[in-house]
């Protein structure tokens, strides 16, 4: 029942974004996790995953875990692995403005993106469980957009970054505590693998 509810809201979000002309990327996301970067201090409590590197288009790229919805559907953790080159940023309750620590994490993420110019990412906006589903979908969208906008100011081309909101539907922590809610108020960065044209 809960998975049906999640899928239903994800489909509504995709429909709304498509209708607004802002559809999320349809590029296939990677299935494996990998590492090429050091972990950030904000990665505590996150699971680590296998490591590996791939060669694509002449630049070395590390892959990360699947997007949150893909991971949920596959029964995998929706948390960003500590080994991921792109780390999550976190938000205050009912806010989408970037805190100083989030800006520092985004600068590190932008550094990785500049070093991997063929990489594309999707920024996922997430919320804690408080508030209505509709409100949290909108708030998640604002969080994802705030992260994207800051990456663009750091020199990352806008066409390399897509956004999607999952609202409260895909939490990494399910307890009704402030610590848990804090972990769920996040923007997650998923590397999208692109296939060369044949």
Foldseek 3Di string as FASTA:
>chain_A
DLLVVLVVLQVVQQVVCVVVVQHFDPFDFDAAAAADDAFDPPQPPFAAGDHDWDADPNATDGAWHGALNVCVVVVHQNATHRRHQQHKAFDDAPDQAHDPVNLVSLLSVLVVCVSVVVKAKEKEFFAAPPDDQVSQQVSRQSNSVNSLVSSVVVPRDSVRYGYGYSGHSRANDDDPDPVRRRRGRIIDIHIGDDDDDD
